[in-house]
């Protein structure tokens, strides 16, 4: 990795980490979800990057892929909130997430299990390690705390303008594996739950352009976002049917309605270990 690309990643990571920390402190009872999402997206741009995807604010049993659409939905006391955001500079993406509880402290052990799994996974990530070895560490850490990983959600490689670039880091000891190589960039993201960790899909709130997507706004959206995800609230559409043919990112929901926590950092792999760019 040349130093220009490395510097883009590091700066994107610095911005993402700052915005994550600041936004988490703003999550309070009766605050509209959209207020936080818009703060995140605007602040990323103010600091010199661009949002890599719409700010995800997934609550309780919703594990990921929810982004608010209006000011009607507000945080409630006891909500377990996953804040997942990404920043990019020239397409080089930093992806990070954390979980907070609104006004209560009933799920601190679940949240801590995710954080610990992430830290242990990071400590074991280096050139030559197998991805399923990292997955086993995540699974063992979460289960030791009495919870279960969400197996169908994974960490992933990141490349320029590619949020999910093909290689995954599972949250369990998968039969399938890849060898981690120097200069790979990974978003490592354990998910833990009280439930079995099975997932059902909900509604789509996030979209991305595909080759099948046609229509009056197709060229404009390609120019603005390329292959990166966007939210309908970012674009001039009045009817979601106008996005027919776009890729749909459906809400991912714990099948039995059990609460889910998430922690995530982006790392650059090196020979000695990995550099965490979103601390």
C-alpha atoms as a PDB file:
ATOM      1  CA  UNK A   1       0.000   0.000   0.000  1.00  0.00           C
ATOM      2  CA  UNK A   2       1.548   3.320  -0.998  1.00  0.00           C
ATOM      3  CA  UNK A   3       1.685   6.125   1.507  1.00  0.00           C
ATOM      4  CA  UNK A   4      -0.938   8.218  -0.280  1.00  0.00           C
ATOM      5  CA  UNK A   5      -3.553   5.487   0.018  1.00  0.00           C
ATOM      6  CA  UNK A   6      -2.493   4.768   3.589  1.00  0.00           C
ATOM      7  CA  UNK A   7      -2.904   8.424   4.490  1.00  0.00           C
ATOM      8  CA  UNK A   8      -6.384   8.541   2.933  1.00  0.00           C
ATOM      9  CA  UNK A   9      -7.455   5.547   5.019  1.00  0.00           C
ATOM     10  CA  UNK A  10      -5.963   6.968   8.204  1.00  0.00           C
ATOM     11  CA  UNK A  11      -7.605  10.350   7.746  1.00  0.00           C
ATOM     12  CA  UNK A  12     -10.966   8.744   6.929  1.00  0.00           C
ATOM     13  CA  UNK A  13     -10.573   6.648  10.073  1.00  0.00           C
ATOM     14  CA  UNK A  14      -9.750   9.668  12.209  1.00  0.00           C
ATOM     15  CA  UNK A  15     -12.847  11.475  10.973  1.00  0.00           C
ATOM     16  CA  UNK A  16     -15.101   8.445  11.401  1.00  0.00           C
ATOM     17  CA  UNK A  17     -13.869   7.862  14.951  1.00  0.00           C
ATOM     18  CA  UNK A  18     -14.414  11.473  15.980  1.00  0.00           C
ATOM     19  CA  UNK A  19     -17.893  11.619  14.493  1.00  0.00           C
ATOM     20  CA  UNK A  20     -18.820   8.282  16.098  1.00  0.00           C
ATOM     21  CA  UNK A  21     -17.724   9.492  19.540  1.00  0.00           C
ATOM     22  CA  UNK A  22     -19.484  12.831  19.205  1.00  0.00           C
ATOM     23  CA  UNK A  23     -22.692  11.302  17.845  1.00  0.00           C
ATOM     24  CA  UNK A  24     -22.908   8.674  20.587  1.00  0.00           C
ATOM     25  CA  UNK A  25     -22.892  11.436  23.200  1.00  0.00           C
ATOM     26  CA  UNK A  26     -25.927  13.009  21.474  1.00  0.00           C
ATOM     27  CA  UNK A  27     -28.106   9.886  21.638  1.00  0.00           C
ATOM     28  CA  UNK A  28     -30.649  10.658  24.347  1.00  0.00           C
ATOM     29  CA  UNK A  29     -34.274   9.876  25.138  1.00  0.00           C
ATOM     30  CA  UNK A  30     -36.764  11.729  22.893  1.00  0.00           C
ATOM     31  CA  UNK A  31     -34.078  12.820  20.403  1.00  0.00           C
ATOM     32  CA  UNK A  32     -35.181  12.092  16.813  1.00  0.00           C
ATOM     33  CA  UNK A  33     -33.140   9.375  15.100  1.00  0.00           C
ATOM     34  CA  UNK A  34     -32.945  11.487  11.960  1.00  0.00           C
ATOM     35  CA  UNK A  35     -31.329  14.323  13.922  1.00  0.00           C
ATOM     36  CA  UNK A  36     -28.435  12.013  14.802  1.00  0.00           C
ATOM     37  CA  UNK A  37     -28.148  10.570  11.290  1.00  0.00           C
ATOM     38  CA  UNK A  38     -28.058  14.009   9.715  1.00  0.00           C
ATOM     39  CA  UNK A  39     -25.524  15.201  12.284  1.00  0.00           C
ATOM     40  CA  UNK A  40     -23.252  12.256  11.413  1.00  0.00           C
ATOM     41  CA  UNK A  41     -23.495  12.733   7.669  1.00  0.00           C
ATOM     42  CA  UNK A  42     -23.063  16.516   7.785  1.00  0.00           C
ATOM     43  CA  UNK A  43     -20.189  16.370  10.290  1.00  0.00           C
ATOM     44  CA  UNK A  44     -18.261  13.858   8.160  1.00  0.00           C
ATOM     45  CA  UNK A  45     -18.378  16.349   5.292  1.00  0.00           C
ATOM     46  CA  UNK A  46     -17.435  19.281   7.508  1.00  0.00           C
ATOM     47  CA  UNK A  47     -14.316  17.415   8.593  1.00  0.00           C
ATOM     48  CA  UNK A  48     -13.215  16.806   5.013  1.00  0.00           C
ATOM     49  CA  UNK A  49     -14.556  13.392   4.024  1.00  0.00           C
ATOM     50  CA  UNK A  50     -17.790  12.040   2.541  1.00  0.00           C
ATOM     51  CA  UNK A  51     -20.254   9.540   4.028  1.00  0.00           C
ATOM     52  CA  UNK A  52     -19.467   6.059   2.712  1.00  0.00           C
ATOM     53  CA  UNK A  53     -23.072   5.011   3.349  1.00  0.00           C
ATOM     54  CA  UNK A  54     -26.131   6.383   5.140  1.00  0.00           C
ATOM     55  CA  UNK A  55     -25.740   6.490   8.909  1.00  0.00           C
ATOM     56  CA  UNK A  56     -27.220   3.262  10.279  1.00  0.00           C
ATOM     57  CA  UNK A  57     -29.159   3.560  13.539  1.00  0.00           C
ATOM     58  CA  UNK A  58     -30.435   0.074  14.333  1.00  0.00           C
ATOM     59  CA  UNK A  59     -32.338  -0.388  17.580  1.00  0.00           C
ATOM     60  CA  UNK A  60     -32.915  -3.435  19.807  1.00  0.00           C
ATOM     61  CA  UNK A  61     -33.656  -6.515  17.652  1.00  0.00           C
ATOM     62  CA  UNK A  62     -32.716  -4.711  14.421  1.00  0.00           C
ATOM     63  CA  UNK A  63     -29.090  -5.690  13.869  1.00  0.00           C
ATOM     64  CA  UNK A  64     -28.264  -3.447  10.920  1.00  0.00           C
ATOM     65  CA  UNK A  65     -29.280  -1.613   7.744  1.00  0.00           C
ATOM     66  CA  UNK A  66     -31.841   0.753   9.213  1.00  0.00           C
ATOM     67  CA  UNK A  67     -31.470   4.439   8.497  1.00  0.00           C
ATOM     68  CA  UNK A  68     -34.164   6.912   9.590  1.00  0.00           C
ATOM     69  CA  UNK A  69     -36.410   8.611   7.053  1.00  0.00           C
ATOM     70  CA  UNK A  70     -38.242  11.317   9.050  1.00  0.00           C
ATOM     71  CA  UNK A  71     -38.294  13.121  12.392  1.00  0.00           C
ATOM     72  CA  UNK A  72     -41.155  11.080  13.855  1.00  0.00           C
ATOM     73  CA  UNK A  73     -39.078   8.242  15.343  1.00  0.00           C
ATOM     74  CA  UNK A  74     -37.263   9.138  18.579  1.00  0.00           C
ATOM     75  CA  UNK A  75     -35.005   7.248  20.960  1.00  0.00           C
ATOM     76  CA  UNK A  76     -36.800   5.728  23.929  1.00  0.00           C
ATOM     77  CA  UNK A  77     -35.528   4.917  27.367  1.00  0.00           C
ATOM     78  CA  UNK A  78     -34.018   1.425  27.386  1.00  0.00           C
ATOM     79  CA  UNK A  79     -33.273   1.299  23.656  1.00  0.00           C
ATOM     80  CA  UNK A  80     -30.108  -0.564  22.671  1.00  0.00           C
ATOM     81  CA  UNK A  81     -28.765   1.504  19.791  1.00  0.00           C
ATOM     82  CA  UNK A  82     -26.218   0.410  17.182  1.00  0.00           C
ATOM     83  CA  UNK A  83     -24.639   3.450  15.532  1.00  0.00           C
ATOM     84  CA  UNK A  84     -22.805   2.386  12.358  1.00  0.00           C
ATOM     85  CA  UNK A  85     -21.151   4.960  10.129  1.00  0.00           C
ATOM     86  CA  UNK A  86     -18.539   5.245   7.409  1.00  0.00           C
ATOM     87  CA  UNK A  87     -16.384   8.001   5.970  1.00  0.00           C
ATOM     88  CA  UNK A  88     -14.343   7.954   2.787  1.00  0.00           C
ATOM     89  CA  UNK A  89     -11.679  10.089   1.144  1.00  0.00           C
ATOM     90  CA  UNK A  90     -11.220   9.468  -2.584  1.00  0.00           C
ATOM     91  CA  UNK A  91     -13.106   6.191  -2.075  1.00  0.00           C
ATOM     92  CA  UNK A  92     -10.885   4.877   0.730  1.00  0.00           C
ATOM     93  CA  UNK A  93     -13.356   3.922   3.439  1.00  0.00           C
ATOM     94  CA  UNK A  94     -13.284   3.712   7.224  1.00  0.00           C
ATOM     95  CA  UNK A  95     -16.248   1.833   8.737  1.00  0.00           C
ATOM     96  CA  UNK A  96     -16.993   1.836  12.462  1.00  0.00           C
ATOM     97  CA  UNK A  97     -19.812   1.088  14.892  1.00  0.00           C
ATOM     98  CA  UNK A  98     -20.628   1.047  18.591  1.00  0.00           C
ATOM     99  CA  UNK A  99     -23.597   0.237  20.797  1.00  0.00           C
ATOM    100  CA  UNK A 100     -25.119   2.371  23.556  1.00  0.00           C
ATOM    101  CA  UNK A 101     -28.096   1.991  25.842  1.00  0.00           C
ATOM    102  CA  UNK A 102     -30.465   4.937  26.265  1.00  0.00           C
ATOM    103  CA  UNK A 103     -30.928   5.942  29.895  1.00  0.00           C
ATOM    104  CA  UNK A 104     -30.574   2.466  31.418  1.00  0.00           C
ATOM    105  CA  UNK A 105     -27.857  -0.067  32.116  1.00  0.00           C
ATOM    106  CA  UNK A 106     -29.654  -3.367  31.616  1.00  0.00           C
ATOM    107  CA  UNK A 107     -27.625  -4.692  28.695  1.00  0.00           C
ATOM    108  CA  UNK A 108     -24.071  -3.686  29.587  1.00  0.00           C
ATOM    109  CA  UNK A 109     -22.858  -7.302  29.645  1.00  0.00           C
ATOM    110  CA  UNK A 110     -24.138  -7.894  26.107  1.00  0.00           C
ATOM    111  CA  UNK A 111     -22.509  -4.712  24.860  1.00  0.00           C
ATOM    112  CA  UNK A 112     -19.274  -5.533  26.653  1.00  0.00           C
ATOM    113  CA  UNK A 113     -19.205  -9.031  25.123  1.00  0.00           C
ATOM    114  CA  UNK A 114     -19.212  -7.438  21.661  1.00  0.00           C
ATOM    115  CA  UNK A 115     -16.496  -4.962  22.564  1.00  0.00           C
ATOM    116  CA  UNK A 116     -14.301  -7.672  24.054  1.00  0.00           C
ATOM    117  CA  UNK A 117     -14.792  -9.919  21.021  1.00  0.00           C
ATOM    118  CA  UNK A 118     -13.726  -7.065  18.768  1.00  0.00           C
ATOM    119  CA  UNK A 119     -10.594  -6.315  20.788  1.00  0.00           C
ATOM    120  CA  UNK A 120      -9.536  -9.966  20.849  1.00  0.00           C
ATOM    121  CA  UNK A 121     -10.170 -10.290  17.129  1.00  0.00           C
ATOM    122  CA  UNK A 122      -8.050  -7.207  16.429  1.00  0.00           C
ATOM    123  CA  UNK A 123      -5.232  -8.535  18.608  1.00  0.00           C
ATOM    124  CA  UNK A 124      -5.158 -11.735  16.529  1.00  0.00           C
ATOM    125  CA  UNK A 125      -5.342 -10.151  13.067  1.00  0.00           C
ATOM    126  CA  UNK A 126      -2.082 -10.187  11.139  1.00  0.00           C
ATOM    127  CA  UNK A 127      -0.490 -11.328   7.885  1.00  0.00           C
ATOM    128  CA  UNK A 128      -0.921 -15.087   7.376  1.00  0.00           C
ATOM    129  CA  UNK A 129      -3.769 -15.682   9.851  1.00  0.00           C
ATOM    130  CA  UNK A 130      -6.896 -17.503   8.652  1.00  0.00           C
ATOM    131  CA  UNK A 131     -10.211 -15.671   8.776  1.00  0.00           C
ATOM    132  CA  UNK A 132     -11.956 -18.605  10.462  1.00  0.00           C
ATOM    133  CA  UNK A 133      -9.387 -18.407  13.276  1.00  0.00           C
ATOM    134  CA  UNK A 134     -10.546 -14.831  13.920  1.00  0.00           C
ATOM    135  CA  UNK A 135     -14.141 -16.025  13.713  1.00  0.00           C
ATOM    136  CA  UNK A 136     -13.506 -18.671  16.360  1.00  0.00           C
ATOM    137  CA  UNK A 137     -12.058 -16.045  18.691  1.00  0.00           C
ATOM    138  CA  UNK A 138     -15.155 -13.890  18.229  1.00  0.00           C
ATOM    139  CA  UNK A 139     -17.523 -16.812  18.779  1.00  0.00           C
ATOM    140  CA  UNK A 140     -15.670 -18.135  21.833  1.00  0.00           C
ATOM    141  CA  UNK A 141     -15.528 -14.696  23.452  1.00  0.00           C
ATOM    142  CA  UNK A 142     -19.226 -14.001  22.967  1.00  0.00           C
ATOM    143  CA  UNK A 143     -20.327 -17.463  24.090  1.00  0.00           C
ATOM    144  CA  UNK A 144     -18.087 -17.345  27.156  1.00  0.00           C
ATOM    145  CA  UNK A 145     -20.127 -14.333  28.260  1.00  0.00           C
ATOM    146  CA  UNK A 146     -23.356 -16.289  27.825  1.00  0.00           C
ATOM    147  CA  UNK A 147     -24.526 -14.853  24.502  1.00  0.00           C
ATOM    148  CA  UNK A 148     -24.526 -15.948  20.864  1.00  0.00           C
ATOM    149  CA  UNK A 149     -22.933 -14.402  17.775  1.00  0.00           C
ATOM    150  CA  UNK A 150     -25.085 -13.425  14.828  1.00  0.00           C
ATOM    151  CA  UNK A 151     -23.564 -15.841  12.350  1.00  0.00           C
ATOM    152  CA  UNK A 152     -24.984 -14.497   9.107  1.00  0.00           C
ATOM    153  CA  UNK A 153     -23.413 -11.051   9.621  1.00  0.00           C
ATOM    154  CA  UNK A 154     -19.694 -10.743   9.015  1.00  0.00           C
ATOM    155  CA  UNK A 155     -16.718  -8.469   8.872  1.00  0.00           C
ATOM    156  CA  UNK A 156     -15.471  -7.703   5.383  1.00  0.00           C
ATOM    157  CA  UNK A 157     -12.612  -6.448   3.275  1.00  0.00           C
ATOM    158  CA  UNK A 158     -12.756  -2.856   2.062  1.00  0.00           C
ATOM    159  CA  UNK A 159     -11.252  -1.539  -1.173  1.00  0.00           C
ATOM    160  CA  UNK A 160     -11.522   1.767  -2.988  1.00  0.00           C
ATOM    161  CA  UNK A 161     -15.235   2.548  -3.422  1.00  0.00           C
ATOM    162  CA  UNK A 162     -16.046  -1.039  -2.364  1.00  0.00           C
ATOM    163  CA  UNK A 163     -17.533  -1.350   1.100  1.00  0.00           C
ATOM    164  CA  UNK A 164     -17.815  -5.143   0.861  1.00  0.00           C
ATOM    165  CA  UNK A 165     -14.882  -6.262  -1.280  1.00  0.00           C
ATOM    166  CA  UNK A 166     -15.287 -10.037  -1.197  1.00  0.00           C
ATOM    167  CA  UNK A 167     -13.397 -11.563   1.750  1.00  0.00           C
ATOM    168  CA  UNK A 168     -15.334 -11.942   4.991  1.00  0.00           C
ATOM    169  CA  UNK A 169     -14.378 -12.392   8.632  1.00  0.00           C
ATOM    170  CA  UNK A 170     -17.092 -14.575  10.145  1.00  0.00           C
ATOM    171  CA  UNK A 171     -18.377 -14.171  13.680  1.00  0.00           C
ATOM    172  CA  UNK A 172     -17.943 -17.909  14.280  1.00  0.00           C
ATOM    173  CA  UNK A 173     -15.565 -20.704  13.325  1.00  0.00           C
ATOM    174  CA  UNK A 174     -16.669 -21.148   9.741  1.00  0.00           C
ATOM    175  CA  UNK A 175     -15.713 -24.179   7.654  1.00  0.00           C
ATOM    176  CA  UNK A 176     -14.670 -21.768   4.889  1.00  0.00           C
ATOM    177  CA  UNK A 177     -11.657 -19.532   5.332  1.00  0.00           C
ATOM    178  CA  UNK A 178      -9.292 -17.105   3.628  1.00  0.00           C
ATOM    179  CA  UNK A 179      -5.707 -16.261   4.473  1.00  0.00           C
ATOM    180  CA  UNK A 180      -5.295 -12.678   5.641  1.00  0.00           C
ATOM    181  CA  UNK A 181      -2.571 -10.815   3.753  1.00  0.00           C
ATOM    182  CA  UNK A 182      -0.507  -7.716   4.447  1.00  0.00           C
ATOM    183  CA  UNK A 183      -2.149  -4.456   3.284  1.00  0.00           C
ATOM    184  CA  UNK A 184      -5.657  -5.915   3.330  1.00  0.00           C
ATOM    185  CA  UNK A 185      -8.173  -3.537   4.903  1.00  0.00           C
ATOM    186  CA  UNK A 186     -10.874  -5.143   7.039  1.00  0.00           C
ATOM    187  CA  UNK A 187     -13.921  -3.938   8.909  1.00  0.00           C
ATOM    188  CA  UNK A 188     -14.166  -6.362  11.834  1.00  0.00           C
ATOM    189  CA  UNK A 189     -17.650  -6.298  13.374  1.00  0.00           C
ATOM    190  CA  UNK A 190     -18.900  -8.784  15.959  1.00  0.00           C
ATOM    191  CA  UNK A 191     -22.633  -8.930  16.635  1.00  0.00           C
ATOM    192  CA  UNK A 192     -23.888 -10.530  19.856  1.00  0.00           C
ATOM    193  CA  UNK A 193     -27.424 -11.360  20.967  1.00  0.00           C
ATOM    194  CA  UNK A 194     -29.468 -13.026  23.683  1.00  0.00           C
ATOM    195  CA  UNK A 195     -31.155 -15.102  20.996  1.00  0.00           C
ATOM    196  CA  UNK A 196     -29.921 -17.834  18.688  1.00  0.00           C
ATOM    197  CA  UNK A 197     -28.612 -15.225  16.285  1.00  0.00           C
ATOM    198  CA  UNK A 198     -30.724 -16.180  13.283  1.00  0.00           C
ATOM    199  CA  UNK A 199     -31.752 -13.326  11.007  1.00  0.00           C
ATOM    200  CA  UNK A 200     -34.903 -12.399   9.126  1.00  0.00           C
ATOM    201  CA  UNK A 201     -35.139  -9.527   6.682  1.00  0.00           C
ATOM    202  CA  UNK A 202     -37.321  -6.455   7.031  1.00  0.00           C
ATOM    203  CA  UNK A 203     -37.878  -3.518   4.725  1.00  0.00           C
ATOM    204  CA  UNK A 204     -35.288  -1.792   2.522  1.00  0.00           C
ATOM    205  CA  UNK A 205     -34.199   1.679   3.639  1.00  0.00           C
ATOM    206  CA  UNK A 206     -30.811   1.803   1.904  1.00  0.00           C
ATOM    207  CA  UNK A 207     -30.068   1.345  -1.805  1.00  0.00           C
ATOM    208  CA  UNK A 208     -27.163   1.214  -4.261  1.00  0.00           C
ATOM    209  CA  UNK A 209     -26.892   1.593  -8.015  1.00  0.00           C
ATOM    210  CA  UNK A 210     -26.660  -1.508 -10.206  1.00  0.00           C
ATOM    211  CA  UNK A 211     -26.273  -1.934 -13.947  1.00  0.00           C
ATOM    212  CA  UNK A 212     -29.980  -2.837 -14.095  1.00  0.00           C
ATOM    213  CA  UNK A 213     -31.003   0.507 -12.673  1.00  0.00           C
ATOM    214  CA  UNK A 214     -32.583   2.754 -15.286  1.00  0.00           C
ATOM    215  CA  UNK A 215     -34.626   5.907 -15.144  1.00  0.00           C
ATOM    216  CA  UNK A 216     -34.449   9.663 -15.186  1.00  0.00           C
ATOM    217  CA  UNK A 217     -32.174   9.923 -12.162  1.00  0.00           C
ATOM    218  CA  UNK A 218     -29.916   6.926 -12.898  1.00  0.00           C
ATOM    219  CA  UNK A 219     -26.988   8.872 -14.342  1.00  0.00           C
ATOM    220  CA  UNK A 220     -27.141  11.477 -11.585  1.00  0.00           C
ATOM    221  CA  UNK A 221     -27.078   8.813  -8.870  1.00  0.00           C
ATOM    222  CA  UNK A 222     -24.170   7.004 -10.557  1.00  0.00           C
ATOM    223  CA  UNK A 223     -22.217  10.232 -10.690  1.00  0.00           C
ATOM    224  CA  UNK A 224     -22.955  11.056  -7.056  1.00  0.00           C
ATOM    225  CA  UNK A 225     -22.539   7.666  -5.380  1.00  0.00           C
ATOM    226  CA  UNK A 226     -20.954   5.215  -7.805  1.00  0.00           C
ATOM    227  CA  UNK A 227     -21.434   1.798  -6.223  1.00  0.00           C
ATOM    228  CA  UNK A 228     -21.684   3.128  -2.659  1.00  0.00           C
ATOM    229  CA  UNK A 229     -24.996   2.923  -0.768  1.00  0.00           C
ATOM    230  CA  UNK A 230     -27.372   5.863  -0.390  1.00  0.00           C
ATOM    231  CA  UNK A 231     -30.678   6.650   1.344  1.00  0.00           C
ATOM    232  CA  UNK A 232     -33.856   7.819  -0.397  1.00  0.00           C
ATOM    233  CA  UNK A 233     -33.739  10.958   1.765  1.00  0.00           C
ATOM    234  CA  UNK A 234     -30.479  11.869  -0.010  1.00  0.00           C
ATOM    235  CA  UNK A 235     -32.014  11.868  -3.475  1.00  0.00           C
ATOM    236  CA  UNK A 236     -34.929  13.583  -5.283  1.00  0.00           C
ATOM    237  CA  UNK A 237     -37.414  10.711  -5.243  1.00  0.00           C
ATOM    238  CA  UNK A 238     -40.987  10.904  -4.019  1.00  0.00           C
ATOM    239  CA  UNK A 239     -41.825   7.245  -4.569  1.00  0.00           C
ATOM    240  CA  UNK A 240     -39.576   4.253  -3.830  1.00  0.00           C
ATOM    241  CA  UNK A 241     -40.803   2.708  -7.074  1.00  0.00           C
ATOM    242  CA  UNK A 242     -38.469   5.203  -8.747  1.00  0.00           C
ATOM    243  CA  UNK A 243     -35.606   3.127  -7.315  1.00  0.00           C
ATOM    244  CA  UNK A 244     -36.805  -0.121  -8.853  1.00  0.00           C
ATOM    245  CA  UNK A 245     -33.764  -1.985 -10.166  1.00  0.00           C
ATOM    246  CA  UNK A 246     -31.433  -0.539  -7.541  1.00  0.00           C
ATOM    247  CA  UNK A 247     -29.810  -2.883  -5.041  1.00  0.00           C
ATOM    248  CA  UNK A 248     -31.849  -3.046  -1.840  1.00  0.00           C
ATOM    249  CA  UNK A 249     -30.272  -3.320   1.609  1.00  0.00           C
ATOM    250  CA  UNK A 250     -32.965  -4.849   3.787  1.00  0.00           C
ATOM    251  CA  UNK A 251     -33.150  -4.399   7.533  1.00  0.00           C
ATOM    252  CA  UNK A 252     -31.531  -7.400   9.225  1.00  0.00           C
ATOM    253  CA  UNK A 253     -33.515  -8.381  12.306  1.00  0.00           C
ATOM    254  CA  UNK A 254     -32.890 -11.030  14.974  1.00  0.00           C
ATOM    255  CA  UNK A 255     -35.418 -13.707  14.082  1.00  0.00           C
ATOM    256  CA  UNK A 256     -36.888 -14.143  17.566  1.00  0.00           C
ATOM    257  CA  UNK A 257     -36.919 -10.454  18.404  1.00  0.00           C
ATOM    258  CA  UNK A 258     -33.958 -10.589  20.784  1.00  0.00           C
ATOM    259  CA  UNK A 259     -31.726  -7.568  21.344  1.00  0.00           C
ATOM    260  CA  UNK A 260     -28.492  -7.337  19.342  1.00  0.00           C
ATOM    261  CA  UNK A 261     -25.271  -5.408  20.066  1.00  0.00           C
ATOM    262  CA  UNK A 262     -22.496  -4.527  17.592  1.00  0.00           C
ATOM    263  CA  UNK A 263     -18.922  -3.232  17.741  1.00  0.00           C
ATOM    264  CA  UNK A 264     -16.764  -2.410  14.722  1.00  0.00           C
ATOM    265  CA  UNK A 265     -13.366  -1.033  13.765  1.00  0.00           C
ATOM    266  CA  UNK A 266     -11.507  -0.795  10.459  1.00  0.00           C
ATOM    267  CA  UNK A 267      -7.954  -2.140  10.396  1.00  0.00           C
ATOM    268  CA  UNK A 268      -5.041  -2.242   7.945  1.00  0.00           C
ATOM    269  CA  UNK A 269      -3.147  -5.535   8.134  1.00  0.00           C
ATOM    270  CA  UNK A 270       0.618  -5.570   8.486  1.00  0.00           C
ATOM    271  CA  UNK A 271       3.249  -8.210   9.237  1.00  0.00           C
ATOM    272  CA  UNK A 272       3.251  -7.617  12.993  1.00  0.00           C
ATOM    273  CA  UNK A 273      -0.494  -7.248  13.437  1.00  0.00           C
ATOM    274  CA  UNK A 274      -2.858  -4.576  12.250  1.00  0.00           C
ATOM    275  CA  UNK A 275      -3.299  -0.826  12.474  1.00  0.00           C
ATOM    276  CA  UNK A 276      -6.671   0.234  13.859  1.00  0.00           C
ATOM    277  CA  UNK A 277      -7.658   3.429  12.053  1.00  0.00           C
ATOM    278  CA  UNK A 278     -11.013   4.084  13.790  1.00  0.00           C
ATOM    279  CA  UNK A 279     -10.002   4.233  17.478  1.00  0.00           C
END
